[in-house]
N, C-alpha and C. Protein backbone atom coordinates (compact mmCIF):
# COMPACT_ATOMS: atom_id res chain seq x y z
N MET A 1 30.40 149.27 -39.66
CA MET A 1 30.01 150.66 -39.71
C MET A 1 29.94 151.19 -38.28
N ALA A 2 30.55 152.31 -38.03
CA ALA A 2 30.55 152.90 -36.70
C ALA A 2 29.19 153.50 -36.38
N ARG A 3 28.78 153.32 -35.16
CA ARG A 3 27.51 153.90 -34.73
C ARG A 3 27.76 155.37 -34.43
N ARG A 4 26.88 156.22 -34.90
CA ARG A 4 27.03 157.63 -34.60
C ARG A 4 25.80 158.13 -33.86
N LYS A 5 26.02 159.14 -33.07
CA LYS A 5 24.91 159.72 -32.32
C LYS A 5 24.10 160.60 -33.25
N SER A 6 22.79 160.60 -33.07
CA SER A 6 21.90 161.33 -33.96
C SER A 6 20.97 162.23 -33.17
N ASP A 7 20.60 163.31 -33.81
CA ASP A 7 19.54 164.14 -33.26
C ASP A 7 18.22 163.42 -33.52
N VAL A 8 17.26 163.68 -32.69
CA VAL A 8 15.93 163.09 -32.87
C VAL A 8 15.26 163.77 -34.05
N LEU A 9 14.61 162.99 -34.89
CA LEU A 9 13.89 163.54 -36.03
C LEU A 9 12.83 164.52 -35.58
N GLN A 10 12.66 165.56 -36.38
CA GLN A 10 11.64 166.57 -36.08
C GLN A 10 10.28 165.89 -35.83
N GLY A 11 9.63 166.23 -34.75
CA GLY A 11 8.30 165.69 -34.48
C GLY A 11 8.26 164.38 -33.74
N THR A 12 9.40 163.74 -33.50
CA THR A 12 9.37 162.45 -32.81
C THR A 12 9.67 162.56 -31.32
N LEU A 13 10.19 163.68 -30.88
CA LEU A 13 10.56 163.82 -29.48
C LEU A 13 9.35 163.65 -28.57
N ASP A 14 8.22 164.24 -28.93
CA ASP A 14 7.02 164.09 -28.10
C ASP A 14 6.64 162.62 -27.95
N LEU A 15 6.69 161.88 -29.05
CA LEU A 15 6.36 160.45 -29.01
C LEU A 15 7.32 159.70 -28.09
N LEU A 16 8.60 160.01 -28.18
CA LEU A 16 9.59 159.34 -27.34
C LEU A 16 9.38 159.66 -25.86
N ILE A 17 9.03 160.90 -25.57
CA ILE A 17 8.75 161.28 -24.18
C ILE A 17 7.51 160.57 -23.67
N LEU A 18 6.45 160.56 -24.47
CA LEU A 18 5.22 159.88 -24.06
C LEU A 18 5.48 158.40 -23.81
N LYS A 19 6.25 157.75 -24.67
CA LYS A 19 6.58 156.34 -24.49
C LYS A 19 7.34 156.13 -23.18
N THR A 20 8.32 156.98 -22.94
CA THR A 20 9.13 156.86 -21.74
C THR A 20 8.27 157.02 -20.49
N LEU A 21 7.37 157.98 -20.50
CA LEU A 21 6.52 158.20 -19.33
C LEU A 21 5.41 157.17 -19.22
N ALA A 22 5.11 156.46 -20.31
CA ALA A 22 4.15 155.36 -20.24
C ALA A 22 4.73 154.21 -19.40
N LEU A 23 6.05 154.13 -19.35
CA LEU A 23 6.71 153.09 -18.57
C LEU A 23 6.72 153.42 -17.07
N GLU A 24 7.01 154.70 -16.76
CA GLU A 24 7.02 155.15 -15.37
C GLU A 24 7.22 156.66 -15.32
N SER A 25 6.80 157.25 -14.22
CA SER A 25 7.03 158.68 -13.99
C SER A 25 8.51 158.90 -13.73
N MET A 26 9.04 160.02 -14.21
CA MET A 26 10.45 160.32 -13.96
C MET A 26 10.75 161.78 -14.21
N HIS A 27 11.94 162.18 -13.79
CA HIS A 27 12.37 163.56 -13.97
C HIS A 27 13.02 163.72 -15.35
N GLY A 28 13.23 164.97 -15.75
CA GLY A 28 13.72 165.26 -17.09
C GLY A 28 15.01 164.56 -17.45
N TRP A 29 16.00 164.60 -16.56
CA TRP A 29 17.28 163.96 -16.84
C TRP A 29 17.08 162.46 -17.03
N GLY A 30 16.21 161.87 -16.22
CA GLY A 30 15.92 160.44 -16.35
C GLY A 30 15.28 160.11 -17.68
N ILE A 31 14.41 160.99 -18.17
CA ILE A 31 13.77 160.78 -19.47
C ILE A 31 14.83 160.77 -20.57
N SER A 32 15.72 161.75 -20.55
CA SER A 32 16.75 161.80 -21.60
C SER A 32 17.67 160.60 -21.53
N LYS A 33 18.02 160.16 -20.33
CA LYS A 33 18.91 159.00 -20.17
C LYS A 33 18.21 157.71 -20.59
N ARG A 34 16.90 157.58 -20.31
CA ARG A 34 16.15 156.38 -20.72
C ARG A 34 16.10 156.29 -22.24
N ILE A 35 15.84 157.42 -22.92
CA ILE A 35 15.80 157.43 -24.37
C ILE A 35 17.17 157.09 -24.94
N GLU A 36 18.21 157.66 -24.36
CA GLU A 36 19.57 157.37 -24.81
C GLU A 36 19.89 155.88 -24.63
N SER A 37 19.54 155.34 -23.49
CA SER A 37 19.81 153.93 -23.21
C SER A 37 19.01 153.01 -24.14
N ALA A 38 17.72 153.29 -24.30
CA ALA A 38 16.87 152.45 -25.15
C ALA A 38 17.31 152.48 -26.60
N SER A 39 17.93 153.59 -27.02
CA SER A 39 18.39 153.70 -28.41
C SER A 39 19.85 153.26 -28.57
N LYS A 40 20.39 152.64 -27.53
CA LYS A 40 21.78 152.19 -27.53
C LYS A 40 22.72 153.35 -27.82
N SER A 41 22.42 154.49 -27.21
CA SER A 41 23.20 155.73 -27.29
C SER A 41 23.20 156.39 -28.66
N VAL A 42 22.28 156.00 -29.53
CA VAL A 42 22.20 156.64 -30.84
C VAL A 42 21.47 157.99 -30.73
N LEU A 43 20.42 158.04 -29.92
CA LEU A 43 19.64 159.27 -29.77
C LEU A 43 20.12 160.04 -28.54
N GLN A 44 20.40 161.30 -28.75
CA GLN A 44 20.82 162.19 -27.67
C GLN A 44 19.80 163.31 -27.55
N ILE A 45 19.21 163.47 -26.38
CA ILE A 45 18.22 164.51 -26.17
C ILE A 45 18.86 165.59 -25.29
N ASN A 46 19.06 166.77 -25.86
CA ASN A 46 19.66 167.83 -25.06
C ASN A 46 18.58 168.61 -24.32
N GLN A 47 19.00 169.29 -23.26
CA GLN A 47 18.05 170.01 -22.42
C GLN A 47 17.32 171.10 -23.19
N GLY A 48 17.99 171.69 -24.17
CA GLY A 48 17.38 172.75 -24.97
C GLY A 48 16.21 172.26 -25.81
N SER A 49 16.13 170.97 -26.05
CA SER A 49 15.00 170.37 -26.76
C SER A 49 14.03 169.71 -25.79
N LEU A 50 14.57 169.06 -24.76
CA LEU A 50 13.74 168.28 -23.85
C LEU A 50 12.76 169.14 -23.05
N TYR A 51 13.25 170.16 -22.39
CA TYR A 51 12.37 170.91 -21.50
C TYR A 51 11.28 171.70 -22.24
N PRO A 52 11.57 172.32 -23.37
CA PRO A 52 10.45 172.93 -24.12
C PRO A 52 9.40 171.90 -24.52
N ALA A 53 9.84 170.68 -24.87
CA ALA A 53 8.88 169.62 -25.23
C ALA A 53 8.06 169.21 -24.01
N LEU A 54 8.69 169.10 -22.86
CA LEU A 54 7.96 168.75 -21.64
C LEU A 54 6.93 169.83 -21.30
N TYR A 55 7.33 171.10 -21.41
CA TYR A 55 6.38 172.19 -21.13
C TYR A 55 5.23 172.18 -22.13
N ARG A 56 5.54 171.92 -23.39
CA ARG A 56 4.50 171.86 -24.44
C ARG A 56 3.51 170.73 -24.15
N LEU A 57 4.02 169.55 -23.80
CA LEU A 57 3.15 168.41 -23.48
C LEU A 57 2.31 168.69 -22.23
N GLN A 58 2.91 169.38 -21.29
CA GLN A 58 2.16 169.73 -20.07
C GLN A 58 1.06 170.74 -20.41
N ASP A 59 1.37 171.73 -21.23
CA ASP A 59 0.37 172.72 -21.64
C ASP A 59 -0.80 172.07 -22.37
N LYS A 60 -0.53 170.98 -23.10
CA LYS A 60 -1.58 170.26 -23.82
C LYS A 60 -2.36 169.31 -22.91
N GLY A 61 -1.93 169.16 -21.67
CA GLY A 61 -2.62 168.26 -20.74
C GLY A 61 -2.26 166.80 -20.92
N LEU A 62 -1.16 166.52 -21.64
CA LEU A 62 -0.76 165.14 -21.89
C LEU A 62 0.12 164.57 -20.79
N ILE A 63 0.82 165.47 -20.09
CA ILE A 63 1.62 165.07 -18.93
C ILE A 63 1.36 166.05 -17.81
N THR A 64 1.71 165.65 -16.62
CA THR A 64 1.61 166.51 -15.45
C THR A 64 2.94 166.43 -14.72
N SER A 65 3.20 167.38 -13.86
CA SER A 65 4.45 167.36 -13.10
C SER A 65 4.20 167.67 -11.65
N GLU A 66 5.13 167.21 -10.84
CA GLU A 66 5.04 167.41 -9.40
C GLU A 66 6.46 167.64 -8.88
N VAL A 67 6.62 168.61 -8.00
CA VAL A 67 7.93 168.88 -7.42
C VAL A 67 8.07 168.07 -6.14
N GLY A 68 9.17 167.35 -6.06
CA GLY A 68 9.46 166.56 -4.87
C GLY A 68 10.90 166.81 -4.45
N VAL A 69 11.43 165.93 -3.64
CA VAL A 69 12.79 166.05 -3.15
C VAL A 69 13.57 164.80 -3.55
N SER A 70 14.75 165.00 -4.11
CA SER A 70 15.60 163.88 -4.51
C SER A 70 16.23 163.26 -3.27
N PRO A 71 16.82 162.07 -3.42
CA PRO A 71 17.47 161.42 -2.27
C PRO A 71 18.56 162.28 -1.62
N ASP A 72 19.17 163.18 -2.42
CA ASP A 72 20.22 164.05 -1.85
C ASP A 72 19.66 165.38 -1.34
N GLY A 73 18.32 165.49 -1.27
CA GLY A 73 17.69 166.66 -0.68
C GLY A 73 17.41 167.82 -1.62
N ARG A 74 17.71 167.65 -2.90
CA ARG A 74 17.46 168.73 -3.85
C ARG A 74 16.05 168.60 -4.42
N PRO A 75 15.45 169.75 -4.78
CA PRO A 75 14.13 169.68 -5.41
C PRO A 75 14.23 169.06 -6.79
N VAL A 76 13.24 168.24 -7.14
CA VAL A 76 13.23 167.59 -8.44
C VAL A 76 11.80 167.55 -8.96
N ARG A 77 11.64 167.85 -10.23
CA ARG A 77 10.31 167.83 -10.86
C ARG A 77 10.15 166.48 -11.56
N THR A 78 9.09 165.77 -11.20
CA THR A 78 8.80 164.46 -11.78
C THR A 78 7.60 164.59 -12.71
N TYR A 79 7.73 164.03 -13.90
CA TYR A 79 6.68 164.10 -14.91
C TYR A 79 5.95 162.77 -14.99
N SER A 80 4.63 162.84 -15.22
CA SER A 80 3.79 161.65 -15.34
C SER A 80 2.84 161.82 -16.51
N LEU A 81 2.45 160.71 -17.08
CA LEU A 81 1.49 160.70 -18.18
C LEU A 81 0.07 160.84 -17.62
N THR A 82 -0.76 161.64 -18.27
CA THR A 82 -2.18 161.74 -17.90
C THR A 82 -2.97 160.72 -18.73
N ASP A 83 -4.24 160.57 -18.43
CA ASP A 83 -5.08 159.69 -19.24
C ASP A 83 -5.12 160.18 -20.69
N ALA A 84 -5.20 161.50 -20.87
CA ALA A 84 -5.18 162.06 -22.23
C ALA A 84 -3.85 161.76 -22.90
N GLY A 85 -2.77 161.78 -22.13
CA GLY A 85 -1.45 161.46 -22.67
C GLY A 85 -1.34 160.01 -23.11
N ARG A 86 -1.96 159.11 -22.36
CA ARG A 86 -1.96 157.68 -22.74
C ARG A 86 -2.71 157.48 -24.06
N LYS A 87 -3.84 158.17 -24.20
CA LYS A 87 -4.60 158.06 -25.45
C LYS A 87 -3.81 158.65 -26.61
N GLN A 88 -3.19 159.81 -26.38
CA GLN A 88 -2.39 160.45 -27.43
C GLN A 88 -1.21 159.57 -27.82
N PHE A 89 -0.56 158.96 -26.84
CA PHE A 89 0.56 158.07 -27.13
C PHE A 89 0.11 156.90 -28.01
N ALA A 90 -1.01 156.29 -27.68
CA ALA A 90 -1.51 155.16 -28.48
C ALA A 90 -1.77 155.59 -29.92
N THR A 91 -2.37 156.76 -30.09
CA THR A 91 -2.65 157.28 -31.43
C THR A 91 -1.36 157.56 -32.19
N GLU A 92 -0.42 158.27 -31.54
CA GLU A 92 0.83 158.62 -32.21
C GLU A 92 1.68 157.39 -32.52
N GLN A 93 1.63 156.39 -31.64
CA GLN A 93 2.39 155.17 -31.89
C GLN A 93 1.85 154.45 -33.13
N GLU A 94 0.55 154.42 -33.28
CA GLU A 94 -0.07 153.80 -34.45
C GLU A 94 0.32 154.54 -35.73
N VAL A 95 0.28 155.86 -35.69
CA VAL A 95 0.66 156.67 -36.86
C VAL A 95 2.13 156.44 -37.19
N TRP A 96 3.00 156.43 -36.17
CA TRP A 96 4.43 156.22 -36.39
C TRP A 96 4.70 154.85 -37.01
N THR A 97 4.00 153.83 -36.53
CA THR A 97 4.20 152.48 -37.06
C THR A 97 3.83 152.43 -38.54
N ARG A 98 2.70 153.03 -38.90
CA ARG A 98 2.30 153.06 -40.32
C ARG A 98 3.31 153.84 -41.16
N LEU A 99 3.75 154.99 -40.66
CA LEU A 99 4.71 155.82 -41.39
C LEU A 99 6.05 155.11 -41.56
N SER A 100 6.57 154.54 -40.48
CA SER A 100 7.89 153.89 -40.58
C SER A 100 7.83 152.65 -41.47
N THR A 101 6.72 151.94 -41.45
CA THR A 101 6.56 150.79 -42.35
C THR A 101 6.54 151.25 -43.79
N ALA A 102 5.85 152.35 -44.07
CA ALA A 102 5.79 152.88 -45.43
C ALA A 102 7.17 153.32 -45.91
N VAL A 103 7.94 153.97 -45.04
CA VAL A 103 9.29 154.40 -45.41
C VAL A 103 10.17 153.19 -45.67
N GLU A 104 10.08 152.18 -44.80
CA GLU A 104 10.84 150.94 -45.03
C GLU A 104 10.46 150.29 -46.34
N ASP A 105 9.18 150.30 -46.69
CA ASP A 105 8.73 149.74 -47.97
C ASP A 105 9.37 150.47 -49.14
N VAL A 106 9.38 151.79 -49.07
CA VAL A 106 9.97 152.59 -50.15
C VAL A 106 11.46 152.33 -50.25
N LEU A 107 12.16 152.31 -49.12
CA LEU A 107 13.60 152.08 -49.13
C LEU A 107 13.95 150.69 -49.62
N GLY A 108 13.07 149.74 -49.38
CA GLY A 108 13.32 148.37 -49.81
C GLY A 108 12.99 148.11 -51.28
N THR A 109 12.37 149.08 -51.93
CA THR A 109 11.98 148.92 -53.33
C THR A 109 13.21 148.99 -54.22
N THR A 110 13.28 148.07 -55.18
CA THR A 110 14.42 148.10 -56.11
C THR A 110 14.03 148.65 -57.46
């Protein structure tokens, strides 16, 4: 079966961003590339979805951002997880695990 690229399920983008930033602080393009790489190129995060999600998470106090300079001298905004973001990630990860297990149980039912 050929692997196809998929849009991220509604409501999961925030969880994926929080997970990515739990690993390390990074800029938006790096976040989308990390998610793409971790999903073996199945998940594609476009800028039209990523940046509104980043702004939403920042407005909620779950992430923070800082403008710095890239190695080539261009300004770059780096995002980091806050303590509140770490707590939210732990909660959302637990909910996702329960939900995905329940869906797998239903799909496995004969």
